[in-house]
Amino acid sequence: MLTIKYRCSRCQGHQCRISLFDVSIRNPHGAICIFCKSPMLVSYLTPQAA
């Protein structure tokens, strides 16, 4: 299973809000940065073994 982590392309923040109203071709997950309101980039990370 993969974990999705979001990163802002403008301010490098990691906090976002996700909304179905913000889904577009440029932002398929609908994640918007809470600080600068720009679309978030997605990077997939694998979880660490416990």
PDB file of N, CA and C in Angstrom:
ATOM      1  N   MET A   1       0.844  -1.174   0.000  1.00  0.00           N
ATOM      2  CA  MET A   1       0.000   0.000   0.000  1.00  0.00           C
ATOM      3  C   MET A   1       0.892   1.240   0.000  1.00  0.00           C
ATOM      4  N   LEU A   2       0.501   2.224  -0.782  1.00  0.00           N
ATOM      5  CA  LEU A   2       1.256   3.466  -0.862  1.00  0.00           C
ATOM      6  C   LEU A   2       0.579   4.560  -0.059  1.00  0.00           C
ATOM      7  N   THR A   3       1.381   5.435   0.504  1.00  0.00           N
ATOM      8  CA  THR A   3       0.882   6.581   1.236  1.00  0.00           C
ATOM      9  C   THR A   3       1.065   7.819   0.370  1.00  0.00           C
ATOM     10  N   ILE A   4       0.044   8.674   0.293  1.00  0.00           N
ATOM     11  CA  ILE A   4       0.125   9.883  -0.505  1.00  0.00           C
ATOM     12  C   ILE A   4       0.519  11.049   0.396  1.00  0.00           C
ATOM     13  N   LYS A   5       1.559  11.760  -0.007  1.00  0.00           N
ATOM     14  CA  LYS A   5       2.017  12.939   0.721  1.00  0.00           C
ATOM     15  C   LYS A   5       1.957  14.120  -0.231  1.00  0.00           C
ATOM     16  N   TYR A   6       1.422  15.235   0.229  1.00  0.00           N
ATOM     17  CA  TYR A   6       1.278  16.432  -0.598  1.00  0.00           C
ATOM     18  C   TYR A   6       2.339  17.455  -0.233  1.00  0.00           C
ATOM     19  N   ARG A   7       2.826  18.208  -1.242  1.00  0.00           N
ATOM     20  CA  ARG A   7       3.808  19.266  -1.033  1.00  0.00           C
ATOM     21  C   ARG A   7       3.444  20.433  -1.935  1.00  0.00           C
ATOM     22  N   CYS A   8       3.494  21.639  -1.387  1.00  0.00           N
ATOM     23  CA  CYS A   8       3.161  22.833  -2.151  1.00  0.00           C
ATOM     24  C   CYS A   8       4.315  23.198  -3.078  1.00  0.00           C
ATOM     25  N   SER A   9       3.982  23.540  -4.314  1.00  0.00           N
ATOM     26  CA  SER A   9       5.020  23.894  -5.276  1.00  0.00           C
ATOM     27  C   SER A   9       5.511  25.330  -5.078  1.00  0.00           C
ATOM     28  N   ARG A  10       4.734  26.166  -4.402  1.00  0.00           N
ATOM     29  CA  ARG A  10       5.108  27.561  -4.227  1.00  0.00           C
ATOM     30  C   ARG A  10       5.816  27.813  -2.890  1.00  0.00           C
ATOM     31  N   CYS A  11       5.197  27.429  -1.775  1.00  0.00           N
ATOM     32  CA  CYS A  11       5.781  27.760  -0.458  1.00  0.00           C
ATOM     33  C   CYS A  11       6.407  26.551   0.244  1.00  0.00           C
ATOM     34  N   GLN A  12       6.373  25.374  -0.388  1.00  0.00           N
ATOM     35  CA  GLN A  12       6.957  24.139   0.151  1.00  0.00           C
ATOM     36  C   GLN A  12       6.273  23.660   1.433  1.00  0.00           C
ATOM     37  N   GLY A  13       5.045  24.110   1.687  1.00  0.00           N
ATOM     38  CA  GLY A  13       4.295  23.668   2.852  1.00  0.00           C
ATOM     39  C   GLY A  13       3.740  22.264   2.656  1.00  0.00           C
ATOM     40  N   HIS A  14       3.326  21.634   3.747  1.00  0.00           N
ATOM     41  CA  HIS A  14       2.794  20.276   3.693  1.00  0.00           C
ATOM     42  C   HIS A  14       1.354  20.197   4.183  1.00  0.00           C
ATOM     43  N   GLN A  15       0.752  21.315   4.593  1.00  0.00           N
ATOM     44  CA  GLN A  15      -0.613  21.290   5.079  1.00  0.00           C
ATOM     45  C   GLN A  15      -1.555  21.700   3.953  1.00  0.00           C
ATOM     46  N   CYS A  16      -2.612  20.918   3.787  1.00  0.00           N
ATOM     47  CA  CYS A  16      -3.522  21.191   2.682  1.00  0.00           C
ATOM     48  C   CYS A  16      -4.951  20.868   3.090  1.00  0.00           C
ATOM     49  N   ARG A  17      -5.867  21.340   2.259  1.00  0.00           N
ATOM     50  CA  ARG A  17      -7.257  20.926   2.382  1.00  0.00           C
ATOM     51  C   ARG A  17      -7.619  20.250   1.075  1.00  0.00           C
ATOM     52  N   ILE A  18      -8.464  19.248   1.148  1.00  0.00           N
ATOM     53  CA  ILE A  18      -8.852  18.486  -0.025  1.00  0.00           C
ATOM     54  C   ILE A  18     -10.344  18.683  -0.238  1.00  0.00           C
ATOM     55  N   SER A  19     -10.719  19.055  -1.459  1.00  0.00           N
ATOM     56  CA  SER A  19     -12.109  19.316  -1.782  1.00  0.00           C
ATOM     57  C   SER A  19     -12.414  18.803  -3.179  1.00  0.00           C
ATOM     58  N   LEU A  20     -13.592  18.246  -3.359  1.00  0.00           N
ATOM     59  CA  LEU A  20     -14.014  17.795  -4.681  1.00  0.00           C
ATOM     60  C   LEU A  20     -14.243  18.969  -5.618  1.00  0.00           C
ATOM     61  N   PHE A  21     -14.507  20.153  -5.086  1.00  0.00           N
ATOM     62  CA  PHE A  21     -14.731  21.335  -5.905  1.00  0.00           C
ATOM     63  C   PHE A  21     -13.438  21.865  -6.524  1.00  0.00           C
ATOM     64  N   ASP A  22     -12.275  21.475  -6.003  1.00  0.00           N
ATOM     65  CA  ASP A  22     -10.987  21.937  -6.500  1.00  0.00           C
ATOM     66  C   ASP A  22     -10.328  20.957  -7.469  1.00  0.00           C
ATOM     67  N   VAL A  23     -11.005  19.874  -7.808  1.00  0.00           N
ATOM     68  CA  VAL A  23     -10.448  18.885  -8.726  1.00  0.00           C
ATOM     69  C   VAL A  23     -10.434  19.456 -10.145  1.00  0.00           C
ATOM     70  N   SER A  24      -9.277  19.349 -10.801  1.00  0.00           N
ATOM     71  CA  SER A  24      -9.120  19.798 -12.184  1.00  0.00           C
ATOM     72  C   SER A  24      -8.060  18.925 -12.854  1.00  0.00           C
ATOM     73  N   ILE A  25      -7.772  19.207 -14.106  1.00  0.00           N
ATOM     74  CA  ILE A  25      -6.728  18.451 -14.803  1.00  0.00           C
ATOM     75  C   ILE A  25      -5.369  18.709 -14.161  1.00  0.00           C
ATOM     76  N   ARG A  26      -5.124  19.946 -13.761  1.00  0.00           N
ATOM     77  CA  ARG A  26      -3.851  20.306 -13.129  1.00  0.00           C
ATOM     78  C   ARG A  26      -3.763  19.797 -11.694  1.00  0.00           C
ATOM     79  N   ASN A  27      -4.906  19.653 -11.032  1.00  0.00           N
ATOM     80  CA  ASN A  27      -4.954  19.238  -9.638  1.00  0.00           C
ATOM     81  C   ASN A  27      -5.941  18.071  -9.498  1.00  0.00           C
ATOM     82  N   PRO A  28      -5.560  16.853  -9.908  1.00  0.00           N
ATOM     83  CA  PRO A  28      -6.513  15.735  -9.932  1.00  0.00           C
ATOM     84  C   PRO A  28      -6.971  15.259  -8.560  1.00  0.00           C
ATOM     85  N   HIS A  29      -6.221  15.545  -7.502  1.00  0.00           N
ATOM     86  CA  HIS A  29      -6.613  15.117  -6.161  1.00  0.00           C
ATOM     87  C   HIS A  29      -7.406  16.178  -5.420  1.00  0.00           C
ATOM     88  N   GLY A  30      -7.429  17.403  -5.921  1.00  0.00           N
ATOM     89  CA  GLY A  30      -8.187  18.472  -5.285  1.00  0.00           C
ATOM     90  C   GLY A  30      -7.541  19.006  -4.021  1.00  0.00           C
ATOM     91  N   ALA A  31      -6.220  18.900  -3.901  1.00  0.00           N
ATOM     92  CA  ALA A  31      -5.502  19.367  -2.713  1.00  0.00           C
ATOM     93  C   ALA A  31      -5.009  20.798  -2.936  1.00  0.00           C
ATOM     94  N   ILE A  32      -5.352  21.687  -2.007  1.00  0.00           N
ATOM     95  CA  ILE A  32      -4.975  23.098  -2.068  1.00  0.00           C
ATOM     96  C   ILE A  32      -4.197  23.454  -0.803  1.00  0.00           C
ATOM     97  N   CYS A  33      -3.109  24.180  -0.943  1.00  0.00           N
ATOM     98  CA  CYS A  33      -2.292  24.619   0.189  1.00  0.00           C
ATOM     99  C   CYS A  33      -3.100  25.577   1.051  1.00  0.00           C
ATOM    100  N   ILE A  34      -3.047  25.414   2.363  1.00  0.00           N
ATOM    101  CA  ILE A  34      -3.813  26.301   3.243  1.00  0.00           C
ATOM    102  C   ILE A  34      -3.132  27.645   3.432  1.00  0.00           C
ATOM    103  N   PHE A  35      -1.859  27.769   3.081  1.00  0.00           N
ATOM    104  CA  PHE A  35      -1.134  29.024   3.273  1.00  0.00           C
ATOM    105  C   PHE A  35      -1.226  29.938   2.059  1.00  0.00           C
ATOM    106  N   CYS A  36      -0.932  29.423   0.863  1.00  0.00           N
ATOM    107  CA  CYS A  36      -0.874  30.286  -0.322  1.00  0.00           C
ATOM    108  C   CYS A  36      -1.936  29.946  -1.366  1.00  0.00           C
ATOM    109  N   LYS A  37      -2.794  28.972  -1.089  1.00  0.00           N
ATOM    110  CA  LYS A  37      -3.920  28.605  -1.954  1.00  0.00           C
ATOM    111  C   LYS A  37      -3.518  28.109  -3.340  1.00  0.00           C
ATOM    112  N   SER A  38      -2.329  27.551  -3.495  1.00  0.00           N
ATOM    113  CA  SER A  38      -1.910  26.999  -4.779  1.00  0.00           C
ATOM    114  C   SER A  38      -2.102  25.480  -4.763  1.00  0.00           C
ATOM    115  N   PRO A  39      -2.232  24.849  -5.936  1.00  0.00           N
ATOM    116  CA  PRO A  39      -2.388  23.391  -5.994  1.00  0.00           C
ATOM    117  C   PRO A  39      -1.159  22.675  -5.441  1.00  0.00           C
ATOM    118  N   MET A  40      -1.401  21.560  -4.790  1.00  0.00           N
ATOM    119  CA  MET A  40      -0.327  20.784  -4.181  1.00  0.00           C
ATOM    120  C   MET A  40       0.194  19.734  -5.155  1.00  0.00           C
ATOM    121  N   LEU A  41       1.493  19.454  -5.077  1.00  0.00           N
ATOM    122  CA  LEU A  41       2.102  18.363  -5.823  1.00  0.00           C
ATOM    123  C   LEU A  41       1.969  17.087  -4.999  1.00  0.00           C
ATOM    124  N   VAL A  42       1.929  15.962  -5.661  1.00  0.00           N
ATOM    125  CA  VAL A  42       1.765  14.683  -4.980  1.00  0.00           C
ATOM    126  C   VAL A  42       3.040  13.870  -5.131  1.00  0.00           C
ATOM    127  N   SER A  43       3.528  13.321  -4.022  1.00  0.00           N
ATOM    128  CA  SER A  43       4.637  12.381  -4.078  1.00  0.00           C
ATOM    129  C   SER A  43       4.222  11.132  -3.324  1.00  0.00           C
ATOM    130  N   TYR A  44       4.431   9.982  -3.925  1.00  0.00           N
ATOM    131  CA  TYR A  44       4.030   8.730  -3.310  1.00  0.00           C
ATOM    132  C   TYR A  44       5.193   8.165  -2.510  1.00  0.00           C
ATOM    133  N   LEU A  45       4.921   7.793  -1.281  1.00  0.00           N
ATOM    134  CA  LEU A  45       5.929   7.215  -0.407  1.00  0.00           C
ATOM    135  C   LEU A  45       5.473   5.841   0.054  1.00  0.00           C
ATOM    136  N   THR A  46       6.393   4.945   0.205  1.00  0.00           N
ATOM    137  CA  THR A  46       6.046   3.632   0.739  1.00  0.00           C
ATOM    138  C   THR A  46       6.153   3.685   2.256  1.00  0.00           C
ATOM    139  N   PRO A  47       5.239   3.045   2.952  1.00  0.00           N
ATOM    140  CA  PRO A  47       5.299   3.052   4.417  1.00  0.00           C
ATOM    141  C   PRO A  47       6.479   2.216   4.917  1.00  0.00           C
ATOM    142  N   GLN A  48       6.994   2.581   6.083  1.00  0.00           N
ATOM    143  CA  GLN A  48       8.094   1.833   6.672  1.00  0.00           C
ATOM    144  C   GLN A  48       7.560   0.576   7.339  1.00  0.00           C
ATOM    145  N   ALA A  49       8.352  -0.473   7.318  1.00  0.00           N
ATOM    146  CA  ALA A  49       7.956  -1.730   7.974  1.00  0.00           C
ATOM    147  C   ALA A  49       8.026  -1.574   9.482  1.00  0.00           C
ATOM    148  N   ALA A  50       7.035  -2.060  10.160  1.00  0.00           N
ATOM    149  CA  ALA A  50       6.981  -1.922  11.635  1.00  0.00           C
ATOM    150  C   ALA A  50       7.677  -3.056  12.325  1.00  0.00           C
TER     151      ALA A  50
END
